[in-house]
Amino acid sequence: MQQQETIESYTIAIKNYNTALRFAPNDFKTLKLLGFALEKLSELQFSQNQSAQALESLKQAVATYERLFSLNPNDAIGLGYYGMVVERLAELLSKQDYVKEAFLTYQQSLSIYDTAIKLAPNDYGNYALKASVFTSIADFQLGLLQYTQALESYQQAIAFYDISLQLKYIGANEFDKARIIQKLAQCLDQLLCYEEAFLCYQTILEIFNRLLPANDKYIKSVEQQMQKLSAQLT
């Protein structure tokens, strides 16, 4: 009941923001509030299995943020947030099997991050966010059994994490990078590239040994995968 009331409250807020924008169509604060309300509405609708409505609300949020940042195109931080919302839209499209539209939306997100990076080339965050998009694309490609394409996308993700880590080292980002290398190794395994996969696991193990306590579940998992792969190499 509380969730339904929250959906209703966001719906009312969205109506009020749209009314206000009729009188001041370029009001930055109102556009920002409208975009946020549409995002929250989409999340709540998705949680209640209202997939079509959630998709439509998120599309409206993206359109609102596009309008918002056209008014302030040099806001690198804001563009980074806009890119994340577009990526969420792509993920929602992929979950509903809109394959072509999902790929186009992922590309839109990458383009937004490219713009943000040009504005702030030393901001490590946008490189990590771009790596996240390539990871999402690779995961989607993997689900479609497009192993070669997924391989390339994982490699792109790792490359952008490397740039981010060079600009500012953050252990959590290196851990995320290791997890992507793990996905890359699994992809190589599917392509029967066992030696390359084994080298990936060695790299992952080095990172996990630096970041995690001994006998951590992630370390054990990698060691088990390496043992299985060793059988393929003998």
C-alpha atoms as a PDB file:
ATOM      1  CA  MET A   1       0.000   0.000   0.000  1.00  0.00           C
ATOM      2  CA  GLN A   2       2.827   2.351   0.911  1.00  0.00           C
ATOM      3  CA  GLN A   3       4.554   1.672  -2.426  1.00  0.00           C
ATOM      4  CA  GLN A   4       1.342   2.416  -4.318  1.00  0.00           C
ATOM      5  CA  GLU A   5       0.954   5.709  -2.446  1.00  0.00           C
ATOM      6  CA  THR A   6       4.554   6.568  -3.315  1.00  0.00           C
ATOM      7  CA  ILE A   7       3.890   5.885  -6.994  1.00  0.00           C
ATOM      8  CA  GLU A   8       0.870   8.158  -6.747  1.00  0.00           C
ATOM      9  CA  SER A   9       2.877  10.883  -5.008  1.00  0.00           C
ATOM     10  CA  TYR A  10       5.574  10.812  -7.703  1.00  0.00           C
ATOM     11  CA  THR A  11       2.893  10.879 -10.411  1.00  0.00           C
ATOM     12  CA  ILE A  12       1.377  13.994  -8.821  1.00  0.00           C
ATOM     13  CA  ALA A  13       4.815  15.613  -8.462  1.00  0.00           C
ATOM     14  CA  ILE A  14       5.596  14.934 -12.132  1.00  0.00           C
ATOM     15  CA  LYS A  15       2.315  16.533 -13.164  1.00  0.00           C
ATOM     16  CA  ASN A  16       3.120  19.606 -11.052  1.00  0.00           C
ATOM     17  CA  TYR A  17       6.650  19.912 -12.474  1.00  0.00           C
ATOM     18  CA  ASN A  18       5.314  19.681 -16.028  1.00  0.00           C
ATOM     19  CA  THR A  19       2.774  22.404 -15.236  1.00  0.00           C
ATOM     20  CA  ALA A  20       5.530  24.635 -13.850  1.00  0.00           C
ATOM     21  CA  LEU A  21       7.637  24.067 -16.971  1.00  0.00           C
ATOM     22  CA  ARG A  22       4.858  25.446 -19.158  1.00  0.00           C
ATOM     23  CA  PHE A  23       5.537  28.838 -17.574  1.00  0.00           C
ATOM     24  CA  ALA A  24       9.332  28.461 -17.297  1.00  0.00           C
ATOM     25  CA  PRO A  25      10.395  25.764 -19.796  1.00  0.00           C
ATOM     26  CA  ASN A  26      14.118  26.217 -19.164  1.00  0.00           C
ATOM     27  CA  ASP A  27      14.066  26.310 -15.376  1.00  0.00           C
ATOM     28  CA  PHE A  28      17.103  24.207 -14.428  1.00  0.00           C
ATOM     29  CA  LYS A  29      15.913  23.247 -10.937  1.00  0.00           C
ATOM     30  CA  THR A  30      12.456  22.147 -12.093  1.00  0.00           C
ATOM     31  CA  LEU A  31      13.894  20.062 -14.932  1.00  0.00           C
ATOM     32  CA  LYS A  32      16.287  18.392 -12.496  1.00  0.00           C
ATOM     33  CA  LEU A  33      13.460  17.599 -10.061  1.00  0.00           C
ATOM     34  CA  LEU A  34      11.311  16.259 -12.903  1.00  0.00           C
ATOM     35  CA  GLY A  35      14.099  13.962 -14.097  1.00  0.00           C
ATOM     36  CA  PHE A  36      14.669  12.636 -10.587  1.00  0.00           C
ATOM     37  CA  ALA A  37      10.937  12.045 -10.008  1.00  0.00           C
ATOM     38  CA  LEU A  38      10.654  10.126 -13.289  1.00  0.00           C
ATOM     39  CA  GLU A  39      13.659   7.992 -12.308  1.00  0.00           C
ATOM     40  CA  LYS A  40      12.124   7.125  -8.929  1.00  0.00           C
ATOM     41  CA  LEU A  41       8.761   6.402 -10.513  1.00  0.00           C
ATOM     42  CA  SER A  42      10.438   4.027 -12.963  1.00  0.00           C
ATOM     43  CA  GLU A  43      12.202   2.189 -10.120  1.00  0.00           C
ATOM     44  CA  LEU A  44       8.963   1.747  -8.189  1.00  0.00           C
ATOM     45  CA  GLN A  45       7.050   0.613 -11.266  1.00  0.00           C
ATOM     46  CA  PHE A  46       9.746  -1.936 -12.068  1.00  0.00           C
ATOM     47  CA  SER A  47       9.654  -3.245  -8.484  1.00  0.00           C
ATOM     48  CA  GLN A  48       5.930  -3.897  -8.971  1.00  0.00           C
ATOM     49  CA  ASN A  49       6.495  -5.715 -12.284  1.00  0.00           C
ATOM     50  CA  GLN A  50       5.064  -2.813 -14.278  1.00  0.00           C
ATOM     51  CA  SER A  51       7.804  -3.232 -16.876  1.00  0.00           C
ATOM     52  CA  ALA A  52       6.234  -1.282 -19.735  1.00  0.00           C
ATOM     53  CA  GLN A  53       5.396   1.667 -17.481  1.00  0.00           C
ATOM     54  CA  ALA A  54       8.872   1.589 -15.912  1.00  0.00           C
ATOM     55  CA  LEU A  55      10.466   1.692 -19.350  1.00  0.00           C
ATOM     56  CA  GLU A  56       8.315   4.634 -20.454  1.00  0.00           C
ATOM     57  CA  SER A  57       9.045   6.592 -17.253  1.00  0.00           C
ATOM     58  CA  LEU A  58      12.791   6.066 -17.633  1.00  0.00           C
ATOM     59  CA  LYS A  59      12.645   7.141 -21.283  1.00  0.00           C
ATOM     60  CA  GLN A  60      10.943  10.337 -20.141  1.00  0.00           C
ATOM     61  CA  ALA A  61      13.647  10.819 -17.490  1.00  0.00           C
ATOM     62  CA  VAL A  62      16.363  10.493 -20.153  1.00  0.00           C
ATOM     63  CA  ALA A  63      14.557  12.993 -22.390  1.00  0.00           C
ATOM     64  CA  THR A  64      14.301  15.399 -19.451  1.00  0.00           C
ATOM     65  CA  TYR A  65      18.011  15.112 -18.628  1.00  0.00           C
ATOM     66  CA  GLU A  66      18.874  15.592 -22.295  1.00  0.00           C
ATOM     67  CA  ARG A  67      16.888  18.820 -22.216  1.00  0.00           C
ATOM     68  CA  LEU A  68      18.497  19.788 -18.899  1.00  0.00           C
ATOM     69  CA  PHE A  69      22.097  19.331 -20.017  1.00  0.00           C
ATOM     70  CA  SER A  70      21.506  21.015 -23.350  1.00  0.00           C
ATOM     71  CA  LEU A  71      21.128  24.146 -21.194  1.00  0.00           C
ATOM     72  CA  ASN A  72      24.477  23.505 -19.488  1.00  0.00           C
ATOM     73  CA  PRO A  73      26.571  21.403 -21.905  1.00  0.00           C
ATOM     74  CA  ASN A  74      29.853  22.014 -20.042  1.00  0.00           C
ATOM     75  CA  ASP A  75      28.782  20.300 -16.812  1.00  0.00           C
ATOM     76  CA  ALA A  76      31.065  17.236 -16.851  1.00  0.00           C
ATOM     77  CA  ILE A  77      29.787  15.917 -13.505  1.00  0.00           C
ATOM     78  CA  GLY A  78      26.170  16.307 -14.575  1.00  0.00           C
ATOM     79  CA  LEU A  79      26.887  14.604 -17.883  1.00  0.00           C
ATOM     80  CA  GLY A  80      28.397  11.690 -15.979  1.00  0.00           C
ATOM     81  CA  TYR A  81      25.137  11.277 -14.078  1.00  0.00           C
ATOM     82  CA  TYR A  82      23.143  11.592 -17.304  1.00  0.00           C
ATOM     83  CA  GLY A  83      25.281   8.815 -18.796  1.00  0.00           C
ATOM     84  CA  MET A  84      24.427   6.534 -15.861  1.00  0.00           C
ATOM     85  CA  VAL A  85      20.693   7.095 -16.365  1.00  0.00           C
ATOM     86  CA  VAL A  86      21.007   6.308 -20.078  1.00  0.00           C
ATOM     87  CA  GLU A  87      22.933   3.144 -19.193  1.00  0.00           C
ATOM     88  CA  ARG A  88      20.105   2.100 -16.839  1.00  0.00           C
ATOM     89  CA  LEU A  89      17.657   2.636 -19.695  1.00  0.00           C
ATOM     90  CA  ALA A  90      19.783   0.386 -21.915  1.00  0.00           C
ATOM     91  CA  GLU A  91      19.807  -2.306 -19.217  1.00  0.00           C
ATOM     92  CA  LEU A  92      16.026  -2.082 -18.877  1.00  0.00           C
ATOM     93  CA  LEU A  93      15.652  -2.385 -22.645  1.00  0.00           C
ATOM     94  CA  SER A  94      17.933  -5.427 -22.674  1.00  0.00           C
ATOM     95  CA  LYS A  95      15.903  -7.100 -19.908  1.00  0.00           C
ATOM     96  CA  GLN A  96      12.794  -6.674 -22.044  1.00  0.00           C
ATOM     97  CA  ASP A  97      14.563  -8.078 -25.132  1.00  0.00           C
ATOM     98  CA  TYR A  98      14.643  -4.843 -27.121  1.00  0.00           C
ATOM     99  CA  VAL A  99      18.018  -5.903 -28.485  1.00  0.00           C
ATOM    100  CA  LYS A 100      18.622  -3.300 -31.192  1.00  0.00           C
ATOM    101  CA  GLU A 101      17.319  -0.400 -29.099  1.00  0.00           C
ATOM    102  CA  ALA A 102      19.374  -1.561 -26.107  1.00  0.00           C
ATOM    103  CA  PHE A 103      22.611  -1.556 -28.116  1.00  0.00           C
ATOM    104  CA  LEU A 104      21.845   1.903 -29.529  1.00  0.00           C
ATOM    105  CA  THR A 105      21.148   3.210 -26.029  1.00  0.00           C
ATOM    106  CA  TYR A 106      24.397   1.748 -24.689  1.00  0.00           C
ATOM    107  CA  GLN A 107      26.182   3.572 -27.523  1.00  0.00           C
ATOM    108  CA  GLN A 108      24.387   6.778 -26.518  1.00  0.00           C
ATOM    109  CA  SER A 109      25.697   6.347 -22.975  1.00  0.00           C
ATOM    110  CA  LEU A 110      29.262   5.857 -24.256  1.00  0.00           C
ATOM    111  CA  SER A 111      28.927   9.011 -26.355  1.00  0.00           C
ATOM    112  CA  ILE A 112      27.818  11.010 -23.301  1.00  0.00           C
ATOM    113  CA  TYR A 113      30.847   9.790 -21.331  1.00  0.00           C
ATOM    114  CA  ASP A 114      33.102  10.707 -24.255  1.00  0.00           C
ATOM    115  CA  THR A 115      31.786  14.267 -24.029  1.00  0.00           C
ATOM    116  CA  ALA A 116      32.279  14.334 -20.248  1.00  0.00           C
ATOM    117  CA  ILE A 117      35.851  13.029 -20.637  1.00  0.00           C
ATOM    118  CA  LYS A 118      36.673  15.741 -23.190  1.00  0.00           C
ATOM    119  CA  LEU A 119      35.430  18.350 -20.711  1.00  0.00           C
ATOM    120  CA  ALA A 120      37.328  16.839 -17.768  1.00  0.00           C
ATOM    121  CA  PRO A 121      40.081  14.532 -19.088  1.00  0.00           C
ATOM    122  CA  ASN A 122      41.624  14.038 -15.635  1.00  0.00           C
ATOM    123  CA  ASP A 123      38.396  12.983 -13.927  1.00  0.00           C
ATOM    124  CA  TYR A 124      38.968   9.310 -13.125  1.00  0.00           C
ATOM    125  CA  GLY A 125      35.264   8.739 -12.435  1.00  0.00           C
ATOM    126  CA  ASN A 126      34.006   9.032 -15.993  1.00  0.00           C
ATOM    127  CA  TYR A 127      36.590   6.506 -17.232  1.00  0.00           C
ATOM    128  CA  ALA A 128      35.340   4.026 -14.624  1.00  0.00           C
ATOM    129  CA  LEU A 129      31.741   4.747 -15.626  1.00  0.00           C
ATOM    130  CA  LYS A 130      32.597   4.174 -19.278  1.00  0.00           C
ATOM    131  CA  ALA A 131      34.224   0.875 -18.286  1.00  0.00           C
ATOM    132  CA  SER A 132      30.951  -0.061 -16.591  1.00  0.00           C
ATOM    133  CA  VAL A 133      29.024   0.519 -19.832  1.00  0.00           C
ATOM    134  CA  PHE A 134      31.413  -1.682 -21.813  1.00  0.00           C
ATOM    135  CA  THR A 135      30.969  -4.358 -19.138  1.00  0.00           C
ATOM    136  CA  SER A 136      27.178  -4.152 -19.445  1.00  0.00           C
ATOM    137  CA  ILE A 137      27.456  -4.386 -23.230  1.00  0.00           C
ATOM    138  CA  ALA A 138      29.744  -7.420 -22.925  1.00  0.00           C
ATOM    139  CA  ASP A 139      27.381  -9.131 -20.471  1.00  0.00           C
ATOM    140  CA  PHE A 140      24.511  -8.524 -22.892  1.00  0.00           C
ATOM    141  CA  GLN A 141      26.542  -9.885 -25.812  1.00  0.00           C
ATOM    142  CA  LEU A 142      27.505 -12.910 -23.741  1.00  0.00           C
ATOM    143  CA  GLY A 143      23.834 -13.591 -23.056  1.00  0.00           C
ATOM    144  CA  LEU A 144      23.279 -13.553 -26.822  1.00  0.00           C
ATOM    145  CA  LEU A 145      26.205 -16.018 -27.221  1.00  0.00           C
ATOM    146  CA  GLN A 146      28.207 -13.369 -29.104  1.00  0.00           C
ATOM    147  CA  TYR A 147      31.488 -14.469 -27.531  1.00  0.00           C
ATOM    148  CA  THR A 148      33.882 -12.680 -29.895  1.00  0.00           C
ATOM    149  CA  GLN A 149      32.039  -9.362 -29.530  1.00  0.00           C
ATOM    150  CA  ALA A 150      31.819  -9.825 -25.759  1.00  0.00           C
ATOM    151  CA  LEU A 151      35.565 -10.473 -25.643  1.00  0.00           C
ATOM    152  CA  GLU A 152      36.274  -7.135 -27.330  1.00  0.00           C
ATOM    153  CA  SER A 153      33.870  -5.272 -25.039  1.00  0.00           C
ATOM    154  CA  TYR A 154      35.432  -6.766 -21.884  1.00  0.00           C
ATOM    155  CA  GLN A 155      38.862  -5.736 -23.170  1.00  0.00           C
ATOM    156  CA  GLN A 156      37.588  -2.187 -23.697  1.00  0.00           C
ATOM    157  CA  ALA A 157      36.192  -2.145 -20.157  1.00  0.00           C
ATOM    158  CA  ILE A 158      39.543  -3.249 -18.721  1.00  0.00           C
ATOM    159  CA  ALA A 159      41.379  -0.578 -20.735  1.00  0.00           C
ATOM    160  CA  PHE A 160      39.183   2.202 -19.346  1.00  0.00           C
ATOM    161  CA  TYR A 161      39.550   0.878 -15.799  1.00  0.00           C
ATOM    162  CA  ASP A 162      43.321   1.014 -16.324  1.00  0.00           C
ATOM    163  CA  ILE A 163      43.095   4.709 -17.259  1.00  0.00           C
ATOM    164  CA  SER A 164      40.872   5.421 -14.257  1.00  0.00           C
ATOM    165  CA  LEU A 165      43.281   3.633 -11.904  1.00  0.00           C
ATOM    166  CA  GLN A 166      46.264   5.509 -13.338  1.00  0.00           C
ATOM    167  CA  LEU A 167      44.529   8.811 -12.616  1.00  0.00           C
ATOM    168  CA  LYS A 168      43.491   7.768  -9.115  1.00  0.00           C
ATOM    169  CA  TYR A 169      43.993   4.413  -7.474  1.00  0.00           C
ATOM    170  CA  ILE A 170      40.884   3.079  -5.725  1.00  0.00           C
ATOM    171  CA  GLY A 171      40.928  -0.476  -4.428  1.00  0.00           C
ATOM    172  CA  ALA A 172      37.229  -1.001  -5.175  1.00  0.00           C
ATOM    173  CA  ASN A 173      37.826  -0.098  -8.826  1.00  0.00           C
ATOM    174  CA  GLU A 174      40.742  -2.517  -9.061  1.00  0.00           C
ATOM    175  CA  PHE A 175      38.501  -5.209  -7.577  1.00  0.00           C
ATOM    176  CA  ASP A 176      35.853  -4.418 -10.217  1.00  0.00           C
ATOM    177  CA  LYS A 177      38.546  -4.607 -12.884  1.00  0.00           C
ATOM    178  CA  ALA A 178      39.568  -8.056 -11.608  1.00  0.00           C
ATOM    179  CA  ARG A 179      35.959  -9.230 -11.788  1.00  0.00           C
ATOM    180  CA  ILE A 180      35.812  -8.106 -15.425  1.00  0.00           C
ATOM    181  CA  ILE A 181      39.058  -9.952 -16.174  1.00  0.00           C
ATOM    182  CA  GLN A 182      37.352 -12.996 -14.645  1.00  0.00           C
ATOM    183  CA  LYS A 183      34.479 -12.603 -17.104  1.00  0.00           C
ATOM    184  CA  LEU A 184      37.020 -12.168 -19.889  1.00  0.00           C
ATOM    185  CA  ALA A 185      38.698 -15.427 -18.830  1.00  0.00           C
ATOM    186  CA  GLN A 186      35.363 -17.260 -18.913  1.00  0.00           C
ATOM    187  CA  CYS A 187      34.727 -15.856 -22.381  1.00  0.00           C
ATOM    188  CA  LEU A 188      38.156 -17.018 -23.553  1.00  0.00           C
ATOM    189  CA  ASP A 189      37.376 -20.441 -22.094  1.00  0.00           C
ATOM    190  CA  GLN A 190      34.215 -20.593 -24.228  1.00  0.00           C
ATOM    191  CA  LEU A 191      36.320 -19.718 -27.285  1.00  0.00           C
ATOM    192  CA  LEU A 192      38.756 -22.544 -26.360  1.00  0.00           C
ATOM    193  CA  CYS A 193      41.573 -20.038 -25.757  1.00  0.00           C
ATOM    194  CA  TYR A 194      42.747 -21.882 -22.663  1.00  0.00           C
ATOM    195  CA  GLU A 195      46.262 -20.437 -22.356  1.00  0.00           C
ATOM    196  CA  GLU A 196      44.986 -16.845 -22.563  1.00  0.00           C
ATOM    197  CA  ALA A 197      42.264 -17.666 -20.036  1.00  0.00           C
ATOM    198  CA  PHE A 198      44.826 -19.139 -17.629  1.00  0.00           C
ATOM    199  CA  LEU A 199      46.947 -15.979 -17.857  1.00  0.00           C
ATOM    200  CA  CYS A 200      43.855 -13.938 -17.014  1.00  0.00           C
ATOM    201  CA  TYR A 201      43.224 -16.043 -13.920  1.00  0.00           C
ATOM    202  CA  GLN A 202      46.831 -15.521 -12.827  1.00  0.00           C
ATOM    203  CA  THR A 203      46.329 -11.750 -13.084  1.00  0.00           C
ATOM    204  CA  ILE A 204      43.063 -11.959 -11.140  1.00  0.00           C
ATOM    205  CA  LEU A 205      44.708 -14.017  -8.412  1.00  0.00           C
ATOM    206  CA  GLU A 206      47.510 -11.452  -8.051  1.00  0.00           C
ATOM    207  CA  ILE A 207      44.949  -8.659  -7.614  1.00  0.00           C
ATOM    208  CA  PHE A 208      42.772 -10.616  -5.187  1.00  0.00           C
ATOM    209  CA  ASN A 209      45.814 -11.616  -3.104  1.00  0.00           C
ATOM    210  CA  ARG A 210      46.668  -7.917  -2.741  1.00  0.00           C
ATOM    211  CA  LEU A 211      43.141  -6.778  -1.927  1.00  0.00           C
ATOM    212  CA  LEU A 212      41.532  -9.643  -0.038  1.00  0.00           C
ATOM    213  CA  PRO A 213      42.325 -11.691   3.080  1.00  0.00           C
ATOM    214  CA  ALA A 214      43.801 -15.163   2.661  1.00  0.00           C
ATOM    215  CA  ASN A 215      41.290 -17.922   1.906  1.00  0.00           C
ATOM    216  CA  ASP A 216      38.665 -15.398   0.791  1.00  0.00           C
ATOM    217  CA  LYS A 217      35.854 -16.961  -1.250  1.00  0.00           C
ATOM    218  CA  TYR A 218      36.877 -15.020  -4.368  1.00  0.00           C
ATOM    219  CA  ILE A 219      40.448 -16.314  -4.119  1.00  0.00           C
ATOM    220  CA  LYS A 220      39.221 -19.883  -3.632  1.00  0.00           C
ATOM    221  CA  SER A 221      36.902 -19.554  -6.627  1.00  0.00           C
ATOM    222  CA  VAL A 222      39.739 -18.394  -8.900  1.00  0.00           C
ATOM    223  CA  GLU A 223      42.030 -21.174  -7.666  1.00  0.00           C
ATOM    224  CA  GLN A 224      39.319 -23.737  -8.442  1.00  0.00           C
ATOM    225  CA  GLN A 225      38.835 -22.299 -11.926  1.00  0.00           C
ATOM    226  CA  MET A 226      42.586 -22.452 -12.524  1.00  0.00           C
ATOM    227  CA  GLN A 227      42.682 -26.100 -11.448  1.00  0.00           C
ATOM    228  CA  LYS A 228      39.895 -26.978 -13.889  1.00  0.00           C
ATOM    229  CA  LEU A 229      41.614 -25.071 -16.666  1.00  0.00           C
ATOM    230  CA  SER A 230      44.937 -26.777 -15.971  1.00  0.00           C
ATOM    231  CA  ALA A 231      43.308 -30.043 -17.019  1.00  0.00           C
ATOM    232  CA  GLN A 232      42.579 -28.516 -20.435  1.00  0.00           C
ATOM    233  CA  LEU A 233      46.217 -27.477 -20.842  1.00  0.00           C
ATOM    234  CA  THR A 234      47.739 -30.899 -20.127  1.00  0.00           C
END
